[in-house]
Amino acid sequence: MTVIALLSVAPVTEGSMAGEVARAVAALDDFEVGYETNPMGTVIEADSIEELMAAATAAHQAVDGDRVSTVLKIDDKRTSDQHANEKVDAVERELGRPARSEGDDAVGDDD
């Protein structure tokens, strides 16, 4: 079984959160999970819900601040083993193209 989740951990603060978010992401390295960070959060894959929850808890606790906001969305498909990239591949097959825009208005395009 593979459990997939979207985790977003952030201190409630003014200014850049990048340093604290980096601490949360680094905390995931202590667990048997795969992850990929994107502009809105971090997608995590784990073999069990227990491992996923332990990793998410560690990420939450790694952030320093008087107030920390954490959102965890879990996809626990118990009847099959599916990885996050396979979910994106399925959408791209339906689209017939990559699931991202191209050109000047592309998300994450810093040019």
Protein backbone atom coordinates (compact mmCIF):
# COMPACT_ATOMS: atom_id res chain seq x y z
CA MET A 1 0.00 0.00 0.00
CA THR A 2 1.18 3.52 -0.76
CA VAL A 3 -0.24 6.48 1.11
CA ILE A 4 0.05 9.83 -0.67
CA ALA A 5 -0.45 13.18 1.00
CA LEU A 6 -0.12 16.89 0.39
CA LEU A 7 1.52 18.59 3.36
CA SER A 8 1.74 22.33 3.87
CA VAL A 9 3.53 23.61 7.00
CA ALA A 10 4.12 27.32 7.57
CA PRO A 11 4.70 29.68 10.46
CA VAL A 12 2.16 32.44 10.79
CA THR A 13 4.53 35.35 10.27
CA GLU A 14 5.31 38.34 8.11
CA GLY A 15 8.09 38.12 5.58
CA SER A 16 9.65 35.08 3.99
CA MET A 17 8.75 31.64 5.30
CA ALA A 18 11.38 29.88 3.16
CA GLY A 19 13.79 29.13 6.01
CA GLU A 20 11.13 27.58 8.22
CA VAL A 21 9.59 25.67 5.32
CA ALA A 22 13.07 24.31 4.53
CA ARG A 23 13.32 23.06 8.14
CA ALA A 24 9.99 21.24 7.74
CA VAL A 25 11.08 19.64 4.47
CA ALA A 26 14.47 18.63 5.94
CA ALA A 27 12.68 16.88 8.82
CA LEU A 28 11.19 14.44 6.29
CA ASP A 29 14.67 13.04 5.59
CA ASP A 30 14.56 11.16 8.91
CA PHE A 31 11.69 8.97 7.65
CA GLU A 32 11.17 6.26 5.04
CA VAL A 33 9.12 8.54 2.78
CA GLY A 34 9.50 9.95 -0.69
CA TYR A 35 8.64 13.60 -1.22
CA GLU A 36 8.59 16.42 -3.74
CA THR A 37 8.14 20.06 -2.81
CA ASN A 38 6.14 22.42 -5.01
CA PRO A 39 5.04 26.05 -4.56
CA MET A 40 1.95 25.09 -2.54
CA GLY A 41 3.25 22.27 -0.35
CA THR A 42 5.06 18.96 -0.35
CA VAL A 43 3.70 15.72 -1.78
CA ILE A 44 4.72 12.79 0.44
CA GLU A 45 4.55 9.06 -0.31
CA ALA A 46 4.83 6.47 2.46
CA ASP A 47 4.24 2.73 2.79
CA SER A 48 1.93 3.18 5.77
CA ILE A 49 -0.32 5.76 7.33
CA GLU A 50 1.75 5.50 10.53
CA GLU A 51 4.98 6.46 8.74
CA LEU A 52 3.21 9.28 6.92
CA MET A 53 1.76 10.70 10.14
CA ALA A 54 5.11 10.46 11.93
CA ALA A 55 6.84 12.34 9.10
CA ALA A 56 4.12 15.00 8.94
CA THR A 57 4.26 15.48 12.71
CA ALA A 58 8.04 15.89 12.60
CA ALA A 59 7.73 18.46 9.80
CA HIS A 60 5.16 20.40 11.82
CA GLN A 61 7.33 20.34 14.94
CA ALA A 62 10.44 21.45 13.00
CA VAL A 63 8.94 24.87 12.30
CA ASP A 64 9.77 27.51 14.89
CA GLY A 65 7.17 30.12 15.69
CA ASP A 66 4.50 31.24 18.09
CA ARG A 67 1.90 29.87 15.69
CA VAL A 68 2.27 27.23 12.96
CA SER A 69 -0.36 26.39 10.34
CA THR A 70 -0.33 22.83 8.96
CA VAL A 71 -2.62 21.32 6.33
CA LEU A 72 -2.47 17.60 5.57
CA LYS A 73 -4.56 16.04 2.79
CA ILE A 74 -4.26 12.23 2.67
CA ASP A 75 -5.08 9.82 -0.18
CA ASP A 76 -5.07 6.33 1.36
CA LYS A 77 -6.07 4.06 -1.55
CA ARG A 78 -6.16 0.71 0.20
CA THR A 79 -7.02 -1.55 -2.73
CA SER A 80 -3.96 -0.85 -4.90
CA ASP A 81 -0.46 0.56 -4.91
CA GLN A 82 -0.36 3.85 -6.83
CA HIS A 83 2.38 6.46 -6.74
CA ALA A 84 1.92 10.22 -7.09
CA ASN A 85 3.66 10.39 -10.46
CA GLU A 86 1.25 7.74 -11.81
CA LYS A 87 -1.69 9.96 -10.87
CA VAL A 88 -0.16 12.84 -12.84
CA ASP A 89 0.63 10.51 -15.75
CA ALA A 90 -3.05 9.47 -15.90
CA VAL A 91 -4.20 13.09 -16.11
CA GLU A 92 -1.61 13.83 -18.81
CA ARG A 93 -2.81 10.82 -20.84
CA GLU A 94 -6.34 12.21 -20.71
CA LEU A 95 -5.12 15.69 -21.68
CA GLY A 96 -2.86 14.37 -24.41
CA ARG A 97 -0.13 16.71 -23.21
CA PRO A 98 1.83 17.69 -20.08
CA ALA A 99 -0.34 18.97 -17.22
CA ARG A 100 1.27 22.39 -17.19
CA SER A 101 1.09 25.51 -19.27
CA GLU A 102 3.85 26.76 -21.48
CA GLY A 103 4.84 30.28 -22.30
CA ASP A 104 5.17 33.56 -20.47
CA ASP A 105 2.44 32.89 -17.91
CA ALA A 106 3.67 29.46 -16.78
CA VAL A 107 3.47 28.88 -13.04
CA GLY A 108 6.94 29.04 -11.54
CA ASP A 109 8.38 30.81 -14.57
CA ASP A 110 10.81 33.29 -13.06
CA ASP A 111 11.90 34.81 -16.38
